Amino acid sequence: MPLSFAAIAPILMLIASNIFMTFAWYGHLKVHDRPLWLIIVVSWGIAFFEYCLAVPANRIGQGHYSPAELKTMQEVITLSVFAVFSVTYLGERLTMNHLVGFALIALGALFIFKGPL
């Protein structure tokens, strides 16, 4: 059975929104020569685009997913985007502790999507 727009669009929009939000929250960690007020204003500007994607993603997705599923999806996507960002942009290493923690969160997400026990 083909997936509908309401099933796919929220996932893609939440991925894009998380990329914006990750840069808004953590991208400035490599910028040390700008005043904090400027960093805040720029981060706010970036976050605006995150909201322009996240709010419609949840609105579109509510027809296909429950609110708990949308929130769980958001959290798993956030961690995935942050893991890639942390390694590629910030030059951090992912350790086994990170991977185990992410796996446990993913396991929790499985219970949300699996339905009642």
PDB file of N, CA and C in Angstrom:
ATOM      1  N   MET A   1       0.843  -1.178   0.000  1.00  0.00           N
ATOM      2  CA  MET A   1       0.000   0.000   0.000  1.00  0.00           C
ATOM      3  C   MET A   1       0.890   1.244   0.000  1.00  0.00           C
ATOM      4  N   PRO A   2       0.693   2.170  -0.939  1.00  0.00           N
ATOM      5  CA  PRO A   2       1.529   3.364  -0.996  1.00  0.00           C
ATOM      6  C   PRO A   2       1.273   4.286   0.198  1.00  0.00           C
ATOM      7  N   LEU A   3       2.334   4.940   0.642  1.00  0.00           N
ATOM      8  CA  LEU A   3       2.202   5.880   1.754  1.00  0.00           C
ATOM      9  C   LEU A   3       1.606   7.190   1.253  1.00  0.00           C
ATOM     10  N   SER A   4       0.783   7.787   2.082  1.00  0.00           N
ATOM     11  CA  SER A   4       0.101   9.020   1.707  1.00  0.00           C
ATOM     12  C   SER A   4       0.962  10.247   2.006  1.00  0.00           C
ATOM     13  N   PHE A   5       0.531  11.365   1.467  1.00  0.00           N
ATOM     14  CA  PHE A   5       1.183  12.653   1.736  1.00  0.00           C
ATOM     15  C   PHE A   5       1.203  12.926   3.237  1.00  0.00           C
ATOM     16  N   ALA A   6       0.098  12.629   3.928  1.00  0.00           N
ATOM     17  CA  ALA A   6      -0.003  12.879   5.370  1.00  0.00           C
ATOM     18  C   ALA A   6       0.925  11.983   6.178  1.00  0.00           C
ATOM     19  N   ALA A   7       1.396  10.903   5.588  1.00  0.00           N
ATOM     20  CA  ALA A   7       2.330  10.012   6.277  1.00  0.00           C
ATOM     21  C   ALA A   7       3.779  10.420   6.036  1.00  0.00           C
ATOM     22  N   ILE A   8       4.098  10.866   4.843  1.00  0.00           N
ATOM     23  CA  ILE A   8       5.485  11.169   4.470  1.00  0.00           C
ATOM     24  C   ILE A   8       5.861  12.626   4.745  1.00  0.00           C
ATOM     25  N   ALA A   9       4.997  13.559   4.403  1.00  0.00           N
ATOM     26  CA  ALA A   9       5.321  14.985   4.538  1.00  0.00           C
ATOM     27  C   ALA A   9       5.744  15.376   5.949  1.00  0.00           C
ATOM     28  N   PRO A  10       5.046  14.928   6.992  1.00  0.00           N
ATOM     29  CA  PRO A  10       5.480  15.334   8.340  1.00  0.00           C
ATOM     30  C   PRO A  10       6.895  14.870   8.673  1.00  0.00           C
ATOM     31  N   ILE A  11       7.252  13.689   8.242  1.00  0.00           N
ATOM     32  CA  ILE A  11       8.595  13.171   8.515  1.00  0.00           C
ATOM     33  C   ILE A  11       9.645  14.042   7.835  1.00  0.00           C
ATOM     34  N   LEU A  12       9.446  14.328   6.558  1.00  0.00           N
ATOM     35  CA  LEU A  12      10.405  15.146   5.818  1.00  0.00           C
ATOM     36  C   LEU A  12      10.474  16.570   6.372  1.00  0.00           C
ATOM     37  N   MET A  13       9.308  17.117   6.725  1.00  0.00           N
ATOM     38  CA  MET A  13       9.271  18.477   7.270  1.00  0.00           C
ATOM     39  C   MET A  13       9.919  18.536   8.651  1.00  0.00           C
ATOM     40  N   LEU A  14       9.727  17.496   9.465  1.00  0.00           N
ATOM     41  CA  LEU A  14      10.362  17.478  10.785  1.00  0.00           C
ATOM     42  C   LEU A  14      11.872  17.312  10.677  1.00  0.00           C
ATOM     43  N   ILE A  15      12.335  16.564   9.700  1.00  0.00           N
ATOM     44  CA  ILE A  15      13.785  16.462   9.476  1.00  0.00           C
ATOM     45  C   ILE A  15      14.342  17.830   9.114  1.00  0.00           C
ATOM     46  N   ALA A  16      13.706  18.503   8.162  1.00  0.00           N
ATOM     47  CA  ALA A  16      14.170  19.834   7.753  1.00  0.00           C
ATOM     48  C   ALA A  16      14.094  20.827   8.909  1.00  0.00           C
ATOM     49  N   SER A  17      13.011  20.792   9.668  1.00  0.00           N
ATOM     50  CA  SER A  17      12.874  21.739  10.782  1.00  0.00           C
ATOM     51  C   SER A  17      13.941  21.489  11.833  1.00  0.00           C
ATOM     52  N   ASN A  18      14.294  20.237  12.054  1.00  0.00           N
ATOM     53  CA  ASN A  18      15.323  19.919  13.037  1.00  0.00           C
ATOM     54  C   ASN A  18      16.711  20.360  12.586  1.00  0.00           C
ATOM     55  N   ILE A  19      16.947  20.347  11.314  1.00  0.00           N
ATOM     56  CA  ILE A  19      18.228  20.860  10.818  1.00  0.00           C
ATOM     57  C   ILE A  19      18.321  22.346  11.142  1.00  0.00           C
ATOM     58  N   PHE A  20      17.261  23.096  10.873  1.00  0.00           N
ATOM     59  CA  PHE A  20      17.253  24.519  11.220  1.00  0.00           C
ATOM     60  C   PHE A  20      17.440  24.723  12.721  1.00  0.00           C
ATOM     61  N   MET A  21      16.684  23.975  13.531  1.00  0.00           N
ATOM     62  CA  MET A  21      16.732  24.196  14.974  1.00  0.00           C
ATOM     63  C   MET A  21      18.085  23.804  15.557  1.00  0.00           C
ATOM     64  N   THR A  22      18.685  22.765  15.036  1.00  0.00           N
ATOM     65  CA  THR A  22      20.000  22.369  15.526  1.00  0.00           C
ATOM     66  C   THR A  22      21.018  23.463  15.246  1.00  0.00           C
ATOM     67  N   PHE A  23      20.954  24.055  14.068  1.00  0.00           N
ATOM     68  CA  PHE A  23      21.856  25.183  13.784  1.00  0.00           C
ATOM     69  C   PHE A  23      21.538  26.385  14.663  1.00  0.00           C
ATOM     70  N   ALA A  24      20.257  26.625  14.930  1.00  0.00           N
ATOM     71  CA  ALA A  24      19.875  27.753  15.785  1.00  0.00           C
ATOM     72  C   ALA A  24      20.405  27.561  17.204  1.00  0.00           C
ATOM     73  N   TRP A  25      20.314  26.363  17.724  1.00  0.00           N
ATOM     74  CA  TRP A  25      20.707  26.103  19.108  1.00  0.00           C
ATOM     75  C   TRP A  25      22.201  25.863  19.289  1.00  0.00           C
ATOM     76  N   TYR A  26      22.840  25.211  18.300  1.00  0.00           N
ATOM     77  CA  TYR A  26      24.226  24.777  18.494  1.00  0.00           C
ATOM     78  C   TYR A  26      25.222  25.292  17.456  1.00  0.00           C
ATOM     79  N   GLY A  27      24.751  25.834  16.354  1.00  0.00           N
ATOM     80  CA  GLY A  27      25.660  26.300  15.307  1.00  0.00           C
ATOM     81  C   GLY A  27      26.594  27.399  15.775  1.00  0.00           C
ATOM     82  N   HIS A  28      26.137  28.203  16.716  1.00  0.00           N
ATOM     83  CA  HIS A  28      26.945  29.320  17.219  1.00  0.00           C
ATOM     84  C   HIS A  28      28.115  28.873  18.083  1.00  0.00           C
ATOM     85  N   LEU A  29      28.173  27.611  18.465  1.00  0.00           N
ATOM     86  CA  LEU A  29      29.262  27.151  19.326  1.00  0.00           C
ATOM     87  C   LEU A  29      30.628  27.260  18.653  1.00  0.00           C
ATOM     88  N   LYS A  30      30.638  27.399  17.339  1.00  0.00           N
ATOM     89  CA  LYS A  30      31.903  27.595  16.625  1.00  0.00           C
ATOM     90  C   LYS A  30      32.199  29.075  16.383  1.00  0.00           C
ATOM     91  N   VAL A  31      31.294  29.954  16.798  1.00  0.00           N
ATOM     92  CA  VAL A  31      31.457  31.398  16.582  1.00  0.00           C
ATOM     93  C   VAL A  31      31.762  32.044  17.935  1.00  0.00           C
ATOM     94  N   HIS A  32      32.991  32.515  18.073  1.00  0.00           N
ATOM     95  CA  HIS A  32      33.406  33.080  19.365  1.00  0.00           C
ATOM     96  C   HIS A  32      33.673  34.579  19.314  1.00  0.00           C
ATOM     97  N   ASP A  33      33.637  35.150  18.135  1.00  0.00           N
ATOM     98  CA  ASP A  33      34.020  36.560  17.992  1.00  0.00           C
ATOM     99  C   ASP A  33      32.832  37.486  17.740  1.00  0.00           C
ATOM    100  N   ARG A  34      31.629  37.049  18.108  1.00  0.00           N
ATOM    101  CA  ARG A  34      30.431  37.872  17.941  1.00  0.00           C
ATOM    102  C   ARG A  34      29.768  38.058  19.303  1.00  0.00           C
ATOM    103  N   PRO A  35      29.126  39.195  19.516  1.00  0.00           N
ATOM    104  CA  PRO A  35      28.454  39.417  20.804  1.00  0.00           C
ATOM    105  C   PRO A  35      27.241  38.487  20.964  1.00  0.00           C
ATOM    106  N   LEU A  36      26.955  38.164  22.206  1.00  0.00           N
ATOM    107  CA  LEU A  36      25.872  37.234  22.500  1.00  0.00           C
ATOM    108  C   LEU A  36      24.530  37.731  21.971  1.00  0.00           C
ATOM    109  N   TRP A  37      24.263  39.029  22.045  1.00  0.00           N
ATOM    110  CA  TRP A  37      22.984  39.543  21.573  1.00  0.00           C
ATOM    111  C   TRP A  37      22.797  39.251  20.089  1.00  0.00           C
ATOM    112  N   LEU A  38      23.893  39.339  19.313  1.00  0.00           N
ATOM    113  CA  LEU A  38      23.818  39.067  17.879  1.00  0.00           C
ATOM    114  C   LEU A  38      23.567  37.573  17.632  1.00  0.00           C
ATOM    115  N   ILE A  39      24.235  36.734  18.402  1.00  0.00           N
ATOM    116  CA  ILE A  39      24.030  35.290  18.287  1.00  0.00           C
ATOM    117  C   ILE A  39      22.563  34.952  18.568  1.00  0.00           C
ATOM    118  N   ILE A  40      21.980  35.595  19.581  1.00  0.00           N
ATOM    119  CA  ILE A  40      20.582  35.347  19.928  1.00  0.00           C
ATOM    120  C   ILE A  40      19.657  35.769  18.790  1.00  0.00           C
ATOM    121  N   VAL A  41      19.884  36.940  18.222  1.00  0.00           N
ATOM    122  CA  VAL A  41      19.037  37.436  17.132  1.00  0.00           C
ATOM    123  C   VAL A  41      19.143  36.520  15.910  1.00  0.00           C
ATOM    124  N   VAL A  42      20.356  36.120  15.571  1.00  0.00           N
ATOM    125  CA  VAL A  42      20.537  35.235  14.420  1.00  0.00           C
ATOM    126  C   VAL A  42      19.878  33.879  14.691  1.00  0.00           C
ATOM    127  N   SER A  43      20.053  33.363  15.895  1.00  0.00           N
ATOM    128  CA  SER A  43      19.438  32.080  16.251  1.00  0.00           C
ATOM    129  C   SER A  43      17.918  32.161  16.186  1.00  0.00           C
ATOM    130  N   TRP A  44      17.384  33.263  16.639  1.00  0.00           N
ATOM    131  CA  TRP A  44      15.937  33.480  16.554  1.00  0.00           C
ATOM    132  C   TRP A  44      15.468  33.477  15.101  1.00  0.00           C
ATOM    133  N   GLY A  45      16.234  34.127  14.245  1.00  0.00           N
ATOM    134  CA  GLY A  45      15.893  34.149  12.820  1.00  0.00           C
ATOM    135  C   GLY A  45      15.899  32.762  12.208  1.00  0.00           C
ATOM    136  N   ILE A  46      16.887  31.952  12.580  1.00  0.00           N
ATOM    137  CA  ILE A  46      16.954  30.575  12.081  1.00  0.00           C
ATOM    138  C   ILE A  46      15.778  29.767  12.624  1.00  0.00           C
ATOM    139  N   ALA A  47      15.464  29.969  13.898  1.00  0.00           N
ATOM    140  CA  ALA A  47      14.375  29.222  14.527  1.00  0.00           C
ATOM    141  C   ALA A  47      13.025  29.537  13.888  1.00  0.00           C
ATOM    142  N   PHE A  48      12.873  30.730  13.342  1.00  0.00           N
ATOM    143  CA  PHE A  48      11.626  31.080  12.657  1.00  0.00           C
ATOM    144  C   PHE A  48      11.316  30.067  11.550  1.00  0.00           C
ATOM    145  N   PHE A  49      12.351  29.703  10.790  1.00  0.00           N
ATOM    146  CA  PHE A  49      12.155  28.754   9.698  1.00  0.00           C
ATOM    147  C   PHE A  49      11.854  27.356  10.236  1.00  0.00           C
ATOM    148  N   GLU A  50      12.406  27.035  11.398  1.00  0.00           N
ATOM    149  CA  GLU A  50      12.087  25.762  12.034  1.00  0.00           C
ATOM    150  C   GLU A  50      10.597  25.698  12.339  1.00  0.00           C
ATOM    151  N   TYR A  51      10.062  26.768  12.901  1.00  0.00           N
ATOM    152  CA  TYR A  51       8.632  26.815  13.224  1.00  0.00           C
ATOM    153  C   TYR A  51       7.776  26.760  11.970  1.00  0.00           C
ATOM    154  N   CYS A  52       8.236  27.385  10.903  1.00  0.00           N
ATOM    155  CA  CYS A  52       7.479  27.370   9.646  1.00  0.00           C
ATOM    156  C   CYS A  52       7.363  25.963   9.061  1.00  0.00           C
ATOM    157  N   LEU A  53       8.234  25.069   9.487  1.00  0.00           N
ATOM    158  CA  LEU A  53       8.156  23.674   9.041  1.00  0.00           C
ATOM    159  C   LEU A  53       7.514  22.766  10.094  1.00  0.00           C
ATOM    160  N   ALA A  54       7.868  22.960  11.354  1.00  0.00           N
ATOM    161  CA  ALA A  54       7.394  22.047  12.409  1.00  0.00           C
ATOM    162  C   ALA A  54       5.891  22.169  12.651  1.00  0.00           C
ATOM    163  N   VAL A  55       5.388  23.392  12.678  1.00  0.00           N
ATOM    164  CA  VAL A  55       3.952  23.567  12.951  1.00  0.00           C
ATOM    165  C   VAL A  55       3.102  22.928  11.851  1.00  0.00           C
ATOM    166  N   PRO A  56       3.362  23.211  10.576  1.00  0.00           N
ATOM    167  CA  PRO A  56       2.567  22.535   9.536  1.00  0.00           C
ATOM    168  C   PRO A  56       2.794  21.020   9.511  1.00  0.00           C
ATOM    169  N   ALA A  57       3.998  20.578   9.845  1.00  0.00           N
ATOM    170  CA  ALA A  57       4.254  19.131   9.875  1.00  0.00           C
ATOM    171  C   ALA A  57       3.338  18.446  10.874  1.00  0.00           C
ATOM    172  N   ASN A  58       3.185  19.055  12.042  1.00  0.00           N
ATOM    173  CA  ASN A  58       2.305  18.473  13.047  1.00  0.00           C
ATOM    174  C   ASN A  58       0.845  18.580  12.638  1.00  0.00           C
ATOM    175  N   ARG A  59       0.478  19.669  12.002  1.00  0.00           N
ATOM    176  CA  ARG A  59      -0.905  19.862  11.548  1.00  0.00           C
ATOM    177  C   ARG A  59      -1.258  18.832  10.479  1.00  0.00           C
ATOM    178  N   ILE A  60      -0.352  18.657   9.511  1.00  0.00           N
ATOM    179  CA  ILE A  60      -0.589  17.671   8.441  1.00  0.00           C
ATOM    180  C   ILE A  60      -0.562  16.254   9.022  1.00  0.00           C
ATOM    181  N   GLY A  61       0.392  16.013   9.915  1.00  0.00           N
ATOM    182  CA  GLY A  61       0.576  14.676  10.458  1.00  0.00           C
ATOM    183  C   GLY A  61      -0.509  14.208  11.389  1.00  0.00           C
ATOM    184  N   GLN A  62      -1.277  15.141  11.978  1.00  0.00           N
ATOM    185  CA  GLN A  62      -2.294  14.732  12.946  1.00  0.00           C
ATOM    186  C   GLN A  62      -3.376  13.872  12.315  1.00  0.00           C
ATOM    187  N   GLY A  63      -3.521  13.942  11.008  1.00  0.00           N
ATOM    188  CA  GLY A  63      -4.495  13.096  10.330  1.00  0.00           C
ATOM    189  C   GLY A  63      -4.039  11.655  10.192  1.00  0.00           C
ATOM    190  N   HIS A  64      -2.745  11.442  10.352  1.00  0.00           N
ATOM    191  CA  HIS A  64      -2.194  10.096  10.168  1.00  0.00           C
ATOM    192  C   HIS A  64      -1.577   9.541  11.451  1.00  0.00           C
ATOM    193  N   TYR A  65      -1.024  10.415  12.267  1.00  0.00           N
ATOM    194  CA  TYR A  65      -0.327  10.016  13.499  1.00  0.00           C
ATOM    195  C   TYR A  65      -1.023  10.612  14.722  1.00  0.00           C
ATOM    196  N   SER A  66      -0.886   9.935  15.848  1.00  0.00           N
ATOM    197  CA  SER A  66      -1.385  10.489  17.105  1.00  0.00           C
ATOM    198  C   SER A  66      -0.400  11.567  17.582  1.00  0.00           C
ATOM    199  N   PRO A  67      -0.824  12.452  18.469  1.00  0.00           N
ATOM    200  CA  PRO A  67       0.114  13.439  19.018  1.00  0.00           C
ATOM    201  C   PRO A  67       1.335  12.790  19.677  1.00  0.00           C
ATOM    202  N   ALA A  68       1.141  11.673  20.364  1.00  0.00           N
ATOM    203  CA  ALA A  68       2.282  10.983  20.989  1.00  0.00           C
ATOM    204  C   ALA A  68       3.244  10.451  19.931  1.00  0.00           C
ATOM    205  N   GLU A  69       2.713   9.968  18.827  1.00  0.00           N
ATOM    206  CA  GLU A  69       3.581   9.487  17.741  1.00  0.00           C
ATOM    207  C   GLU A  69       4.338  10.640  17.104  1.00  0.00           C
ATOM    208  N   LEU A  70       3.670  11.766  16.887  1.00  0.00           N
ATOM    209  CA  LEU A  70       4.351  12.937  16.310  1.00  0.00           C
ATOM    210  C   LEU A  70       5.476  13.419  17.221  1.00  0.00           C
ATOM    211  N   LYS A  71       5.218  13.485  18.524  1.00  0.00           N
ATOM    212  CA  LYS A  71       6.238  13.939  19.465  1.00  0.00           C
ATOM    213  C   LYS A  71       7.401  12.962  19.522  1.00  0.00           C
ATOM    214  N   THR A  72       7.095  11.695  19.508  1.00  0.00           N
ATOM    215  CA  THR A  72       8.147  10.674  19.522  1.00  0.00           C
ATOM    216  C   THR A  72       8.994  10.761  18.262  1.00  0.00           C
ATOM    217  N   MET A  73       8.327  10.919  17.127  1.00  0.00           N
ATOM    218  CA  MET A  73       9.034  11.082  15.859  1.00  0.00           C
ATOM    219  C   MET A  73       9.977  12.287  15.927  1.00  0.00           C
ATOM    220  N   GLN A  74       9.461  13.390  16.474  1.00  0.00           N
ATOM    221  CA  GLN A  74      10.243  14.622  16.617  1.00  0.00           C
ATOM    222  C   GLN A  74      11.508  14.362  17.438  1.00  0.00           C
ATOM    223  N   GLU A  75      11.382  13.648  18.542  1.00  0.00           N
ATOM    224  CA  GLU A  75      12.522  13.406  19.423  1.00  0.00           C
ATOM    225  C   GLU A  75      13.563  12.501  18.770  1.00  0.00           C
ATOM    226  N   VAL A  76      13.116  11.463  18.099  1.00  0.00           N
ATOM    227  CA  VAL A  76      14.048  10.556  17.424  1.00  0.00           C
ATOM    228  C   VAL A  76      14.762  11.291  16.287  1.00  0.00           C
ATOM    229  N   ILE A  77      14.017  12.087  15.531  1.00  0.00           N
ATOM    230  CA  ILE A  77      14.624  12.872  14.459  1.00  0.00           C
ATOM    231  C   ILE A  77      15.617  13.872  15.046  1.00  0.00           C
ATOM    232  N   THR A  78      15.252  14.527  16.152  1.00  0.00           N
ATOM    233  CA  THR A  78      16.144  15.493  16.794  1.00  0.00           C
ATOM    234  C   THR A  78      17.469  14.846  17.163  1.00  0.00           C
ATOM    235  N   LEU A  79      17.418  13.692  17.789  1.00  0.00           N
ATOM    236  CA  LEU A  79      18.655  13.015  18.177  1.00  0.00           C
ATOM    237  C   LEU A  79      19.468  12.586  16.962  1.00  0.00           C
ATOM    238  N   SER A  80      18.800  12.112  15.939  1.00  0.00           N
ATOM    239  CA  SER A  80      19.509  11.685  14.733  1.00  0.00           C
ATOM    240  C   SER A  80      20.190  12.857  14.050  1.00  0.00           C
ATOM    241  N   VAL A  81      19.454  13.957  13.895  1.00  0.00           N
ATOM    242  CA  VAL A  81      20.030  15.154  13.266  1.00  0.00           C
ATOM    243  C   VAL A  81      21.184  15.677  14.113  1.00  0.00           C
ATOM    244  N   PHE A  82      20.995  15.716  15.439  1.00  0.00           N
ATOM    245  CA  PHE A  82      22.053  16.217  16.305  1.00  0.00           C
ATOM    246  C   PHE A  82      23.293  15.333  16.239  1.00  0.00           C
ATOM    247  N   ALA A  83      23.116  14.025  16.182  1.00  0.00           N
ATOM    248  CA  ALA A  83      24.273  13.128  16.104  1.00  0.00           C
ATOM    249  C   ALA A  83      25.098  13.418  14.852  1.00  0.00           C
ATOM    250  N   VAL A  84      24.433  13.560  13.720  1.00  0.00           N
ATOM    251  CA  VAL A  84      25.141  13.875  12.465  1.00  0.00           C
ATOM    252  C   VAL A  84      25.785  15.254  12.560  1.00  0.00           C
ATOM    253  N   PHE A  85      25.058  16.238  13.059  1.00  0.00           N
ATOM    254  CA  PHE A  85      25.561  17.605  13.216  1.00  0.00           C
ATOM    255  C   PHE A  85      26.782  17.634  14.130  1.00  0.00           C
ATOM    256  N   SER A  86      26.683  16.937  15.241  1.00  0.00           N
ATOM    257  CA  SER A  86      27.757  16.923  16.226  1.00  0.00           C
ATOM    258  C   SER A  86      29.055  16.391  15.632  1.00  0.00           C
ATOM    259  N   VAL A  87      28.945  15.353  14.830  1.00  0.00           N
ATOM    260  CA  VAL A  87      30.134  14.756  14.224  1.00  0.00           C
ATOM    261  C   VAL A  87      30.640  15.602  13.055  1.00  0.00           C
ATOM    262  N   THR A  88      29.745  15.994  12.158  1.00  0.00           N
ATOM    263  CA  THR A  88      30.183  16.663  10.929  1.00  0.00           C
ATOM    264  C   THR A  88      30.499  18.141  11.116  1.00  0.00           C
ATOM    265  N   TYR A  89      29.724  18.848  11.926  1.00  0.00           N
ATOM    266  CA  TYR A  89      29.920  20.292  12.069  1.00  0.00           C
ATOM    267  C   TYR A  89      30.773  20.654  13.278  1.00  0.00           C
ATOM    268  N   LEU A  90      30.490  20.025  14.408  1.00  0.00           N
ATOM    269  CA  LEU A  90      31.223  20.361  15.635  1.00  0.00           C
ATOM    270  C   LEU A  90      32.484  19.533  15.819  1.00  0.00           C
ATOM    271  N   GLY A  91      32.639  18.471  15.033  1.00  0.00           N
ATOM    272  CA  GLY A  91      33.839  17.645  15.133  1.00  0.00           C
ATOM    273  C   GLY A  91      33.885  16.783  16.391  1.00  0.00           C
ATOM    274  N   GLU A  92      32.728  16.511  16.977  1.00  0.00           N
ATOM    275  CA  GLU A  92      32.663  15.676  18.183  1.00  0.00           C
ATOM    276  C   GLU A  92      32.695  14.199  17.784  1.00  0.00           C
ATOM    277  N   ARG A  93      33.046  13.382  18.744  1.00  0.00           N
ATOM    278  CA  ARG A  93      33.005  11.931  18.540  1.00  0.00           C
ATOM    279  C   ARG A  93      31.742  11.367  19.177  1.00  0.00           C
ATOM    280  N   LEU A  94      31.136  10.398  18.510  1.00  0.00           N
ATOM    281  CA  LEU A  94      30.040   9.655  19.129  1.00  0.00           C
ATOM    282  C   LEU A  94      30.658   8.468  19.858  1.00  0.00           C
ATOM    283  N   THR A  95      30.341   8.333  21.126  1.00  0.00           N
ATOM    284  CA  THR A  95      30.890   7.234  21.912  1.00  0.00           C
ATOM    285  C   THR A  95      29.859   6.119  22.037  1.00  0.00           C
ATOM    286  N   MET A  96      30.296   5.018  22.593  1.00  0.00           N
ATOM    287  CA  MET A  96      29.386   3.902  22.817  1.00  0.00           C
ATOM    288  C   MET A  96      28.259   4.313  23.766  1.00  0.00           C
ATOM    289  N   ASN A  97      28.557   5.169  24.749  1.00  0.00           N
ATOM    290  CA  ASN A  97      27.512   5.653  25.659  1.00  0.00           C
ATOM    291  C   ASN A  97      26.424   6.402  24.890  1.00  0.00           C
ATOM    292  N   HIS A  98      26.832   7.243  23.938  1.00  0.00           N
ATOM    293  CA  HIS A  98      25.852   7.953  23.118  1.00  0.00           C
ATOM    294  C   HIS A  98      24.984   6.958  22.346  1.00  0.00           C
ATOM    295  N   LEU A  99      25.633   5.997  21.716  1.00  0.00           N
ATOM    296  CA  LEU A  99      24.903   5.039  20.885  1.00  0.00           C
ATOM    297  C   LEU A  99      23.940   4.196  21.714  1.00  0.00           C
ATOM    298  N   VAL A 100      24.361   3.763  22.897  1.00  0.00           N
ATOM    299  CA  VAL A 100      23.471   2.992  23.767  1.00  0.00           C
ATOM    300  C   VAL A 100      22.292   3.856  24.213  1.00  0.00           C
ATOM    301  N   GLY A 101      22.567   5.099  24.605  1.00  0.00           N
ATOM    302  CA  GLY A 101      21.493   6.007  25.005  1.00  0.00           C
ATOM    303  C   GLY A 101      20.507   6.244  23.881  1.00  0.00           C
ATOM    304  N   PHE A 102      21.009   6.486  22.660  1.00  0.00           N
ATOM    305  CA  PHE A 102      20.123   6.688  21.518  1.00  0.00           C
ATOM    306  C   PHE A 102      19.315   5.420  21.235  1.00  0.00           C
ATOM    307  N   ALA A 103      19.945   4.260  21.362  1.00  0.00           N
ATOM    308  CA  ALA A 103      19.236   2.998  21.118  1.00  0.00           C
ATOM    309  C   ALA A 103      18.103   2.805  22.128  1.00  0.00           C
ATOM    310  N   LEU A 104      18.335   3.183  23.375  1.00  0.00           N
ATOM    311  CA  LEU A 104      17.284   3.054  24.383  1.00  0.00           C
ATOM    312  C   LEU A 104      16.126   4.002  24.091  1.00  0.00           C
ATOM    313  N   ILE A 105      16.431   5.189  23.614  1.00  0.00           N
ATOM    314  CA  ILE A 105      15.371   6.127  23.232  1.00  0.00           C
ATOM    315  C   ILE A 105      14.590   5.578  22.034  1.00  0.00           C
ATOM    316  N   ALA A 106      15.307   5.006  21.072  1.00  0.00           N
ATOM    317  CA  ALA A 106      14.641   4.397  19.916  1.00  0.00           C
ATOM    318  C   ALA A 106      13.762   3.230  20.351  1.00  0.00           C
ATOM    319  N   LEU A 107      14.214   2.468  21.339  1.00  0.00           N
ATOM    320  CA  LEU A 107      13.398   1.383  21.863  1.00  0.00           C
ATOM    321  C   LEU A 107      12.112   1.930  22.486  1.00  0.00           C
ATOM    322  N   GLY A 108      12.234   3.034  23.208  1.00  0.00           N
ATOM    323  CA  GLY A 108      11.048   3.684  23.761  1.00  0.00           C
ATOM    324  C   GLY A 108      10.099   4.126  22.663  1.00  0.00           C
ATOM    325  N   ALA A 109      10.649   4.643  21.568  1.00  0.00           N
ATOM    326  CA  ALA A 109       9.821   5.064  20.434  1.00  0.00           C
ATOM    327  C   ALA A 109       9.073   3.879  19.842  1.00  0.00           C
ATOM    328  N   LEU A 110       9.720   2.736  19.809  1.00  0.00           N
ATOM    329  CA  LEU A 110       9.064   1.533  19.288  1.00  0.00           C
ATOM    330  C   LEU A 110       7.798   1.223  20.084  1.00  0.00           C
ATOM    331  N   PHE A 111       7.858   1.394  21.393  1.00  0.00           N
ATOM    332  CA  PHE A 111       6.671   1.136  22.221  1.00  0.00           C
ATOM    333  C   PHE A 111       5.544   2.122  21.930  1.00  0.00           C
ATOM    334  N   ILE A 112       5.893   3.376  21.621  1.00  0.00           N
ATOM    335  CA  ILE A 112       4.872   4.364  21.273  1.00  0.00           C
ATOM    336  C   ILE A 112       4.149   3.961  19.987  1.00  0.00           C
ATOM    337  N   PHE A 113       4.905   3.526  18.987  1.00  0.00           N
ATOM    338  CA  PHE A 113       4.331   3.194  17.689  1.00  0.00           C
ATOM    339  C   PHE A 113       3.710   1.806  17.646  1.00  0.00           C
ATOM    340  N   LYS A 114       4.117   0.941  18.543  1.00  0.00           N
ATOM    341  CA  LYS A 114       3.620  -0.428  18.547  1.00  0.00           C
ATOM    342  C   LYS A 114       2.163  -0.515  18.955  1.00  0.00           C
ATOM    343  N   GLY A 115       1.715   0.414  19.786  1.00  0.00           N
ATOM    344  CA  GLY A 115       0.328   0.396  20.226  1.00  0.00           C
ATOM    345  C   GLY A 115       0.199  -0.199  21.609  1.00  0.00           C
ATOM    346  N   PRO A 116      -1.019  -0.379  22.057  1.00  0.00           N
ATOM    347  CA  PRO A 116      -1.230  -0.892  23.419  1.00  0.00           C
ATOM    348  C   PRO A 116      -0.629  -2.279  23.606  1.00  0.00           C
ATOM    349  N   LEU A 117      -0.065  -2.470  24.788  1.00  0.00           N
ATOM    350  CA  LEU A 117       0.495  -3.787  25.120  1.00  0.00           C
ATOM    351  C   LEU A 117      -0.602  -4.729  25.532  1.00  0.00           C
TER     352      LEU A 117
END
